[in-house]
């Protein structure tokens, strides 16, 4: 029986504080948990947002700029810092990481997609943990609201490319609720969704934090894309990395979107 492949996506709001600086405790906890999952026999791919947010923090900016070229520059600064930290934290647990920067043009091109699939296959065979982000310095469509659009969608694309067994999206909320828990204290968590219907989609709000590009709507879209390829998806809080262990043990955590979405 082959080892299961998990794609884990972590968002900017999980990795950084409100001021944009890196939440080192959260990041270290993430790397420790993922290294442990790797030790448990899972093969992992990490799709990590945060380059622009980390770049903002490193350069002391308090708000996300609107200009595409400034966001590209921030991504270049922040991606460097992100990979330095991932290499450091994963290295403490004897794990080797690799950087994979993708663009939609490469993935949608037959030859490019084949090359990407080969690279992932070899990296996973070597026992490394590929860390994936969109290449914002050359591909501006995400920054302008096009292309993959967000790393939730990118994580679903990657899961499909490598025929993953499971997609986990770590976010700043516990999962999908029947109403906005930030506004309604009585909101109830929906533990499992068999099919993403228009009624389910209506429960998703707009964009998330000011430091990222996604929100619950993009997570539903990612879950739907993954489900269509037979890959279940869990949306769980990244504030508590014990959620990853609960998923490993088959215990309920967050919202599980079943495979086989229409």
C-alpha atoms as a PDB file:
ATOM      1  CA  UNK A   1       0.000   0.000   0.000  1.00  0.00           C
ATOM      2  CA  UNK A   2       1.448   3.343  -1.055  1.00  0.00           C
ATOM      3  CA  UNK A   3       1.931   6.151   1.423  1.00  0.00           C
ATOM      4  CA  UNK A   4      -0.872   8.677   1.359  1.00  0.00           C
ATOM      5  CA  UNK A   5      -0.107  12.070  -0.143  1.00  0.00           C
ATOM      6  CA  UNK A   6      -1.509  15.045   1.726  1.00  0.00           C
ATOM      7  CA  UNK A   7      -1.545  18.584   0.388  1.00  0.00           C
ATOM      8  CA  UNK A   8      -1.676  21.093   3.251  1.00  0.00           C
ATOM      9  CA  UNK A   9      -2.398  24.748   2.523  1.00  0.00           C
ATOM     10  CA  UNK A  10      -1.622  27.455   5.068  1.00  0.00           C
ATOM     11  CA  UNK A  11      -2.845  31.019   4.698  1.00  0.00           C
ATOM     12  CA  UNK A  12      -1.305  34.384   5.405  1.00  0.00           C
ATOM     13  CA  UNK A  13      -3.597  35.015   8.371  1.00  0.00           C
ATOM     14  CA  UNK A  14      -2.333  31.813  10.000  1.00  0.00           C
ATOM     15  CA  UNK A  15       1.346  32.628   9.458  1.00  0.00           C
ATOM     16  CA  UNK A  16       1.387  36.308  10.411  1.00  0.00           C
ATOM     17  CA  UNK A  17       0.164  38.709  13.056  1.00  0.00           C
ATOM     18  CA  UNK A  18      -2.161  41.590  12.228  1.00  0.00           C
ATOM     19  CA  UNK A  19       0.875  43.839  11.726  1.00  0.00           C
ATOM     20  CA  UNK A  20       2.161  41.498   9.009  1.00  0.00           C
ATOM     21  CA  UNK A  21       5.123  40.146  10.930  1.00  0.00           C
ATOM     22  CA  UNK A  22       5.683  36.401  11.089  1.00  0.00           C
ATOM     23  CA  UNK A  23       3.999  34.479  13.898  1.00  0.00           C
ATOM     24  CA  UNK A  24       7.062  32.396  14.716  1.00  0.00           C
ATOM     25  CA  UNK A  25       5.342  30.240  17.319  1.00  0.00           C
ATOM     26  CA  UNK A  26       2.573  29.313  14.853  1.00  0.00           C
ATOM     27  CA  UNK A  27       5.033  28.640  12.054  1.00  0.00           C
ATOM     28  CA  UNK A  28       7.275  26.494  14.227  1.00  0.00           C
ATOM     29  CA  UNK A  29       4.242  24.558  15.456  1.00  0.00           C
ATOM     30  CA  UNK A  30       3.127  23.970  11.850  1.00  0.00           C
ATOM     31  CA  UNK A  31       6.536  22.669  10.802  1.00  0.00           C
ATOM     32  CA  UNK A  32       6.764  20.377  13.835  1.00  0.00           C
ATOM     33  CA  UNK A  33       3.311  18.904  13.159  1.00  0.00           C
ATOM     34  CA  UNK A  34       3.996  18.390   9.446  1.00  0.00           C
ATOM     35  CA  UNK A  35       7.373  16.797  10.190  1.00  0.00           C
ATOM     36  CA  UNK A  36       5.568  14.439  12.555  1.00  0.00           C
ATOM     37  CA  UNK A  37       2.990  13.578   9.876  1.00  0.00           C
ATOM     38  CA  UNK A  38       5.880  12.842   7.528  1.00  0.00           C
ATOM     39  CA  UNK A  39       7.387  10.576  10.196  1.00  0.00           C
ATOM     40  CA  UNK A  40       3.993   8.850  10.499  1.00  0.00           C
ATOM     41  CA  UNK A  41       4.210   7.832   6.846  1.00  0.00           C
ATOM     42  CA  UNK A  42       2.382  10.612   5.034  1.00  0.00           C
ATOM     43  CA  UNK A  43       3.982  12.276   2.034  1.00  0.00           C
ATOM     44  CA  UNK A  44       3.414  16.005   2.231  1.00  0.00           C
ATOM     45  CA  UNK A  45       3.190  19.018  -0.039  1.00  0.00           C
ATOM     46  CA  UNK A  46       2.801  22.388   1.665  1.00  0.00           C
ATOM     47  CA  UNK A  47       1.115  25.204  -0.251  1.00  0.00           C
ATOM     48  CA  UNK A  48       2.093  28.337   1.621  1.00  0.00           C
ATOM     49  CA  UNK A  49       0.721  31.820   1.296  1.00  0.00           C
ATOM     50  CA  UNK A  50       2.335  34.672   3.156  1.00  0.00           C
ATOM     51  CA  UNK A  51       5.037  36.036   0.858  1.00  0.00           C
ATOM     52  CA  UNK A  52       3.452  39.463   0.469  1.00  0.00           C
ATOM     53  CA  UNK A  53       2.341  39.590   4.102  1.00  0.00           C
ATOM     54  CA  UNK A  54       5.815  38.664   5.332  1.00  0.00           C
ATOM     55  CA  UNK A  55       7.346  41.168   2.917  1.00  0.00           C
ATOM     56  CA  UNK A  56       5.068  43.866   4.353  1.00  0.00           C
ATOM     57  CA  UNK A  57       6.212  43.038   7.858  1.00  0.00           C
ATOM     58  CA  UNK A  58       9.896  42.921   6.921  1.00  0.00           C
ATOM     59  CA  UNK A  59       9.703  46.314   5.244  1.00  0.00           C
ATOM     60  CA  UNK A  60       7.515  47.832   7.951  1.00  0.00           C
ATOM     61  CA  UNK A  61       4.422  48.465   5.812  1.00  0.00           C
ATOM     62  CA  UNK A  62       1.131  48.618   7.694  1.00  0.00           C
ATOM     63  CA  UNK A  63      -1.254  48.130   4.761  1.00  0.00           C
ATOM     64  CA  UNK A  64      -1.243  46.027   1.605  1.00  0.00           C
ATOM     65  CA  UNK A  65      -0.425  48.224  -1.414  1.00  0.00           C
ATOM     66  CA  UNK A  66      -2.787  48.414  -4.358  1.00  0.00           C
ATOM     67  CA  UNK A  67      -0.091  48.704  -7.035  1.00  0.00           C
ATOM     68  CA  UNK A  68       0.799  45.393  -8.678  1.00  0.00           C
ATOM     69  CA  UNK A  69       4.507  46.192  -8.982  1.00  0.00           C
ATOM     70  CA  UNK A  70       4.742  46.960  -5.259  1.00  0.00           C
ATOM     71  CA  UNK A  71       3.051  43.671  -4.415  1.00  0.00           C
ATOM     72  CA  UNK A  72       5.515  41.894  -6.717  1.00  0.00           C
ATOM     73  CA  UNK A  73       8.426  43.504  -4.884  1.00  0.00           C
ATOM     74  CA  UNK A  74       6.959  42.559  -1.507  1.00  0.00           C
ATOM     75  CA  UNK A  75       6.464  38.978  -2.701  1.00  0.00           C
ATOM     76  CA  UNK A  76      10.128  38.805  -3.741  1.00  0.00           C
ATOM     77  CA  UNK A  77      11.270  40.002  -0.299  1.00  0.00           C
ATOM     78  CA  UNK A  78       8.779  37.890   1.612  1.00  0.00           C
ATOM     79  CA  UNK A  79       9.288  34.633  -0.314  1.00  0.00           C
ATOM     80  CA  UNK A  80      12.983  34.745   0.556  1.00  0.00           C
ATOM     81  CA  UNK A  81      12.189  35.171   4.242  1.00  0.00           C
ATOM     82  CA  UNK A  82       9.492  32.479   4.177  1.00  0.00           C
ATOM     83  CA  UNK A  83      11.783  29.838   2.691  1.00  0.00           C
ATOM     84  CA  UNK A  84      14.579  30.757   5.101  1.00  0.00           C
ATOM     85  CA  UNK A  85      12.224  30.169   8.028  1.00  0.00           C
ATOM     86  CA  UNK A  86      10.756  26.954   6.597  1.00  0.00           C
ATOM     87  CA  UNK A  87      14.233  25.568   5.951  1.00  0.00           C
ATOM     88  CA  UNK A  88      15.263  26.462   9.503  1.00  0.00           C
ATOM     89  CA  UNK A  89      12.187  25.062  11.274  1.00  0.00           C
ATOM     90  CA  UNK A  90      11.843  21.892   9.182  1.00  0.00           C
ATOM     91  CA  UNK A  91      15.599  21.339   9.449  1.00  0.00           C
ATOM     92  CA  UNK A  92      15.271  21.180  13.223  1.00  0.00           C
ATOM     93  CA  UNK A  93      13.118  18.061  12.702  1.00  0.00           C
ATOM     94  CA  UNK A  94      15.444  16.528  10.100  1.00  0.00           C
ATOM     95  CA  UNK A  95      13.177  17.313   7.153  1.00  0.00           C
ATOM     96  CA  UNK A  96      14.366  18.687   3.808  1.00  0.00           C
ATOM     97  CA  UNK A  97      12.252  21.220   1.941  1.00  0.00           C
ATOM     98  CA  UNK A  98      12.162  22.280  -1.705  1.00  0.00           C
ATOM     99  CA  UNK A  99      10.712  25.444  -3.225  1.00  0.00           C
ATOM    100  CA  UNK A 100       8.249  25.118  -6.124  1.00  0.00           C
ATOM    101  CA  UNK A 101       6.930  28.358  -7.636  1.00  0.00           C
ATOM    102  CA  UNK A 102       4.123  27.878 -10.144  1.00  0.00           C
ATOM    103  CA  UNK A 103       2.185  29.927 -12.670  1.00  0.00           C
ATOM    104  CA  UNK A 104      -1.118  29.046 -14.292  1.00  0.00           C
ATOM    105  CA  UNK A 105       0.482  29.237 -17.726  1.00  0.00           C
ATOM    106  CA  UNK A 106       2.843  26.390 -16.853  1.00  0.00           C
ATOM    107  CA  UNK A 107       0.135  24.222 -15.312  1.00  0.00           C
ATOM    108  CA  UNK A 108      -2.268  24.724 -18.224  1.00  0.00           C
ATOM    109  CA  UNK A 109       0.393  23.883 -20.821  1.00  0.00           C
ATOM    110  CA  UNK A 110       0.698  20.145 -21.501  1.00  0.00           C
ATOM    111  CA  UNK A 111       4.496  20.104 -21.544  1.00  0.00           C
ATOM    112  CA  UNK A 112       4.761  22.404 -18.551  1.00  0.00           C
ATOM    113  CA  UNK A 113       2.263  20.358 -16.568  1.00  0.00           C
ATOM    114  CA  UNK A 114       4.170  17.164 -17.385  1.00  0.00           C
ATOM    115  CA  UNK A 115       7.408  18.748 -16.126  1.00  0.00           C
ATOM    116  CA  UNK A 116       5.710  19.900 -12.917  1.00  0.00           C
ATOM    117  CA  UNK A 117       4.247  16.445 -12.297  1.00  0.00           C
ATOM    118  CA  UNK A 118       7.679  14.857 -12.812  1.00  0.00           C
ATOM    119  CA  UNK A 119       9.288  17.306 -10.396  1.00  0.00           C
ATOM    120  CA  UNK A 120       6.722  16.661  -7.686  1.00  0.00           C
ATOM    121  CA  UNK A 121       7.041  12.909  -8.148  1.00  0.00           C
ATOM    122  CA  UNK A 122      10.816  12.988  -7.759  1.00  0.00           C
ATOM    123  CA  UNK A 123      10.721  15.363  -4.783  1.00  0.00           C
ATOM    124  CA  UNK A 124       8.214  13.141  -2.973  1.00  0.00           C
ATOM    125  CA  UNK A 125      10.225  10.019  -3.826  1.00  0.00           C
ATOM    126  CA  UNK A 126      13.282  11.690  -2.311  1.00  0.00           C
ATOM    127  CA  UNK A 127      11.358  12.265   0.899  1.00  0.00           C
ATOM    128  CA  UNK A 128      11.424  16.059   0.689  1.00  0.00           C
ATOM    129  CA  UNK A 129       8.539  18.395   1.533  1.00  0.00           C
ATOM    130  CA  UNK A 130       7.823  20.613  -1.503  1.00  0.00           C
ATOM    131  CA  UNK A 131       6.699  24.105  -0.501  1.00  0.00           C
ATOM    132  CA  UNK A 132       4.531  25.653  -3.205  1.00  0.00           C
ATOM    133  CA  UNK A 133       3.524  29.225  -3.926  1.00  0.00           C
ATOM    134  CA  UNK A 134       2.529  31.163  -7.008  1.00  0.00           C
ATOM    135  CA  UNK A 135       5.415  32.979  -8.644  1.00  0.00           C
ATOM    136  CA  UNK A 136       4.154  36.508  -8.007  1.00  0.00           C
ATOM    137  CA  UNK A 137       7.272  38.217  -9.319  1.00  0.00           C
ATOM    138  CA  UNK A 138       6.621  37.013 -12.880  1.00  0.00           C
ATOM    139  CA  UNK A 139       2.907  36.202 -12.791  1.00  0.00           C
ATOM    140  CA  UNK A 140       0.795  39.218 -11.906  1.00  0.00           C
ATOM    141  CA  UNK A 141      -2.658  37.807 -12.580  1.00  0.00           C
ATOM    142  CA  UNK A 142      -3.169  36.578  -9.001  1.00  0.00           C
ATOM    143  CA  UNK A 143      -2.235  39.993  -7.658  1.00  0.00           C
ATOM    144  CA  UNK A 144      -4.743  41.581 -10.019  1.00  0.00           C
ATOM    145  CA  UNK A 145      -7.482  39.123  -9.083  1.00  0.00           C
ATOM    146  CA  UNK A 146      -7.097  36.637 -11.958  1.00  0.00           C
ATOM    147  CA  UNK A 147      -5.092  33.453 -12.657  1.00  0.00           C
ATOM    148  CA  UNK A 148      -5.184  30.908  -9.782  1.00  0.00           C
ATOM    149  CA  UNK A 149      -6.692  33.831  -7.881  1.00  0.00           C
ATOM    150  CA  UNK A 150      -5.576  32.600  -4.479  1.00  0.00           C
ATOM    151  CA  UNK A 151      -3.619  29.796  -2.903  1.00  0.00           C
ATOM    152  CA  UNK A 152      -6.755  27.905  -1.885  1.00  0.00           C
ATOM    153  CA  UNK A 153      -7.388  27.318  -5.582  1.00  0.00           C
ATOM    154  CA  UNK A 154      -3.688  26.636  -6.155  1.00  0.00           C
ATOM    155  CA  UNK A 155      -3.740  23.957  -3.443  1.00  0.00           C
ATOM    156  CA  UNK A 156      -6.628  22.177  -5.197  1.00  0.00           C
ATOM    157  CA  UNK A 157      -4.785  22.392  -8.526  1.00  0.00           C
ATOM    158  CA  UNK A 158      -1.656  20.900  -6.942  1.00  0.00           C
ATOM    159  CA  UNK A 159      -3.704  18.154  -5.253  1.00  0.00           C
ATOM    160  CA  UNK A 160      -5.122  17.218  -8.648  1.00  0.00           C
ATOM    161  CA  UNK A 161      -1.727  17.326 -10.361  1.00  0.00           C
ATOM    162  CA  UNK A 162      -0.147  14.872  -7.951  1.00  0.00           C
ATOM    163  CA  UNK A 163      -3.272  12.724  -7.403  1.00  0.00           C
ATOM    164  CA  UNK A 164      -3.243  13.500  -3.683  1.00  0.00           C
ATOM    165  CA  UNK A 165      -5.296  11.501  -1.213  1.00  0.00           C
ATOM    166  CA  UNK A 166      -6.302  14.421   0.989  1.00  0.00           C
ATOM    167  CA  UNK A 167      -6.362  18.236   0.918  1.00  0.00           C
ATOM    168  CA  UNK A 168      -6.189  20.164   4.188  1.00  0.00           C
ATOM    169  CA  UNK A 169      -6.759  23.922   4.241  1.00  0.00           C
ATOM    170  CA  UNK A 170      -5.597  25.656   7.408  1.00  0.00           C
ATOM    171  CA  UNK A 171      -7.319  28.958   8.021  1.00  0.00           C
ATOM    172  CA  UNK A 172      -8.231  31.491  10.721  1.00  0.00           C
ATOM    173  CA  UNK A 173     -11.673  29.991  11.349  1.00  0.00           C
ATOM    174  CA  UNK A 174     -12.713  26.544  12.607  1.00  0.00           C
ATOM    175  CA  UNK A 175     -14.497  25.542   9.404  1.00  0.00           C
ATOM    176  CA  UNK A 176     -17.750  26.317   7.613  1.00  0.00           C
ATOM    177  CA  UNK A 177     -20.527  27.731   9.816  1.00  0.00           C
ATOM    178  CA  UNK A 178     -24.227  28.148   9.194  1.00  0.00           C
ATOM    179  CA  UNK A 179     -23.694  31.914   9.664  1.00  0.00           C
ATOM    180  CA  UNK A 180     -20.752  34.237  10.236  1.00  0.00           C
ATOM    181  CA  UNK A 181     -19.332  33.350  13.692  1.00  0.00           C
ATOM    182  CA  UNK A 182     -17.608  36.733  13.851  1.00  0.00           C
ATOM    183  CA  UNK A 183     -21.012  38.389  13.861  1.00  0.00           C
ATOM    184  CA  UNK A 184     -23.252  35.686  15.318  1.00  0.00           C
ATOM    185  CA  UNK A 185     -22.109  34.013  18.568  1.00  0.00           C
ATOM    186  CA  UNK A 186     -24.771  31.330  18.065  1.00  0.00           C
ATOM    187  CA  UNK A 187     -23.355  30.254  14.698  1.00  0.00           C
ATOM    188  CA  UNK A 188     -22.935  26.485  14.417  1.00  0.00           C
ATOM    189  CA  UNK A 189     -20.046  24.629  12.801  1.00  0.00           C
ATOM    190  CA  UNK A 190     -21.014  22.310   9.928  1.00  0.00           C
ATOM    191  CA  UNK A 191     -18.863  19.184  10.480  1.00  0.00           C
ATOM    192  CA  UNK A 192     -19.416  17.514   7.098  1.00  0.00           C
ATOM    193  CA  UNK A 193     -20.605  18.573   3.656  1.00  0.00           C
ATOM    194  CA  UNK A 194     -21.529  15.831   1.203  1.00  0.00           C
ATOM    195  CA  UNK A 195     -22.178  18.163  -1.721  1.00  0.00           C
ATOM    196  CA  UNK A 196     -21.430  21.858  -2.218  1.00  0.00           C
ATOM    197  CA  UNK A 197     -24.823  23.166  -3.240  1.00  0.00           C
ATOM    198  CA  UNK A 198     -25.771  26.781  -3.999  1.00  0.00           C
ATOM    199  CA  UNK A 199     -27.176  26.909  -0.445  1.00  0.00           C
ATOM    200  CA  UNK A 200     -23.797  25.889   0.970  1.00  0.00           C
ATOM    201  CA  UNK A 201     -22.015  28.388  -1.258  1.00  0.00           C
ATOM    202  CA  UNK A 202     -24.321  31.122   0.023  1.00  0.00           C
ATOM    203  CA  UNK A 203     -22.928  30.563   3.527  1.00  0.00           C
ATOM    204  CA  UNK A 204     -19.474  31.713   2.405  1.00  0.00           C
ATOM    205  CA  UNK A 205     -18.615  35.368   2.838  1.00  0.00           C
ATOM    206  CA  UNK A 206     -16.216  37.547   0.879  1.00  0.00           C
ATOM    207  CA  UNK A 207     -12.456  38.021   1.191  1.00  0.00           C
ATOM    208  CA  UNK A 208     -10.644  37.148   4.387  1.00  0.00           C
ATOM    209  CA  UNK A 209      -7.988  39.222   6.105  1.00  0.00           C
ATOM    210  CA  UNK A 210      -6.319  42.307   4.658  1.00  0.00           C
ATOM    211  CA  UNK A 211      -3.056  40.351   4.464  1.00  0.00           C
ATOM    212  CA  UNK A 212      -4.353  37.620   2.134  1.00  0.00           C
ATOM    213  CA  UNK A 213      -6.493  37.162  -0.950  1.00  0.00           C
ATOM    214  CA  UNK A 214      -8.846  34.388   0.128  1.00  0.00           C
ATOM    215  CA  UNK A 215     -11.946  33.864   2.238  1.00  0.00           C
ATOM    216  CA  UNK A 216     -14.379  31.000   2.837  1.00  0.00           C
ATOM    217  CA  UNK A 217     -15.719  31.313  -0.720  1.00  0.00           C
ATOM    218  CA  UNK A 218     -12.318  30.404  -2.163  1.00  0.00           C
ATOM    219  CA  UNK A 219     -12.045  27.468   0.230  1.00  0.00           C
ATOM    220  CA  UNK A 220     -15.394  26.118  -0.960  1.00  0.00           C
ATOM    221  CA  UNK A 221     -14.223  26.480  -4.539  1.00  0.00           C
ATOM    222  CA  UNK A 222     -11.012  24.597  -3.719  1.00  0.00           C
ATOM    223  CA  UNK A 223     -12.972  21.857  -1.935  1.00  0.00           C
ATOM    224  CA  UNK A 224     -15.273  21.547  -4.947  1.00  0.00           C
ATOM    225  CA  UNK A 225     -12.324  21.296  -7.352  1.00  0.00           C
ATOM    226  CA  UNK A 226     -10.619  18.677  -5.198  1.00  0.00           C
ATOM    227  CA  UNK A 227     -13.842  16.729  -4.671  1.00  0.00           C
ATOM    228  CA  UNK A 228     -14.439  16.575  -8.417  1.00  0.00           C
ATOM    229  CA  UNK A 229     -11.121  14.719  -8.675  1.00  0.00           C
ATOM    230  CA  UNK A 230     -12.058  12.327  -5.887  1.00  0.00           C
ATOM    231  CA  UNK A 231     -10.027  14.098  -3.210  1.00  0.00           C
ATOM    232  CA  UNK A 232     -11.697  14.897   0.140  1.00  0.00           C
ATOM    233  CA  UNK A 233     -10.895  18.273   1.692  1.00  0.00           C
ATOM    234  CA  UNK A 234     -10.857  19.429   5.311  1.00  0.00           C
ATOM    235  CA  UNK A 235     -11.041  23.114   6.261  1.00  0.00           C
ATOM    236  CA  UNK A 236      -9.743  23.528   9.803  1.00  0.00           C
ATOM    237  CA  UNK A 237      -8.321  26.184  12.081  1.00  0.00           C
ATOM    238  CA  UNK A 238      -4.588  26.752  11.806  1.00  0.00           C
ATOM    239  CA  UNK A 239      -4.502  28.286  15.270  1.00  0.00           C
ATOM    240  CA  UNK A 240      -4.268  24.798  16.800  1.00  0.00           C
ATOM    241  CA  UNK A 241      -1.982  22.373  14.962  1.00  0.00           C
ATOM    242  CA  UNK A 242      -3.474  19.539  17.016  1.00  0.00           C
ATOM    243  CA  UNK A 243      -6.152  19.627  14.309  1.00  0.00           C
ATOM    244  CA  UNK A 244      -3.641  17.974  11.975  1.00  0.00           C
ATOM    245  CA  UNK A 245      -3.159  15.132  14.449  1.00  0.00           C
ATOM    246  CA  UNK A 246      -6.927  14.739  14.800  1.00  0.00           C
ATOM    247  CA  UNK A 247      -7.200  14.354  11.040  1.00  0.00           C
ATOM    248  CA  UNK A 248      -4.317  11.882  11.060  1.00  0.00           C
ATOM    249  CA  UNK A 249      -6.180   9.823  13.675  1.00  0.00           C
ATOM    250  CA  UNK A 250      -9.442   9.989  11.728  1.00  0.00           C
ATOM    251  CA  UNK A 251     -11.125  12.182  14.318  1.00  0.00           C
ATOM    252  CA  UNK A 252     -13.531  14.979  13.343  1.00  0.00           C
ATOM    253  CA  UNK A 253     -11.990  18.426  13.011  1.00  0.00           C
ATOM    254  CA  UNK A 254     -13.278  21.503  11.224  1.00  0.00           C
ATOM    255  CA  UNK A 255     -15.436  20.835   8.178  1.00  0.00           C
ATOM    256  CA  UNK A 256     -14.857  17.806   5.974  1.00  0.00           C
ATOM    257  CA  UNK A 257     -15.960  18.113   2.346  1.00  0.00           C
ATOM    258  CA  UNK A 258     -16.565  14.673   0.872  1.00  0.00           C
ATOM    259  CA  UNK A 259     -14.977  13.530  -2.367  1.00  0.00           C
ATOM    260  CA  UNK A 260     -17.072  13.321  -5.505  1.00  0.00           C
ATOM    261  CA  UNK A 261     -18.363  16.906  -5.649  1.00  0.00           C
ATOM    262  CA  UNK A 262     -20.331  17.781  -8.770  1.00  0.00           C
END
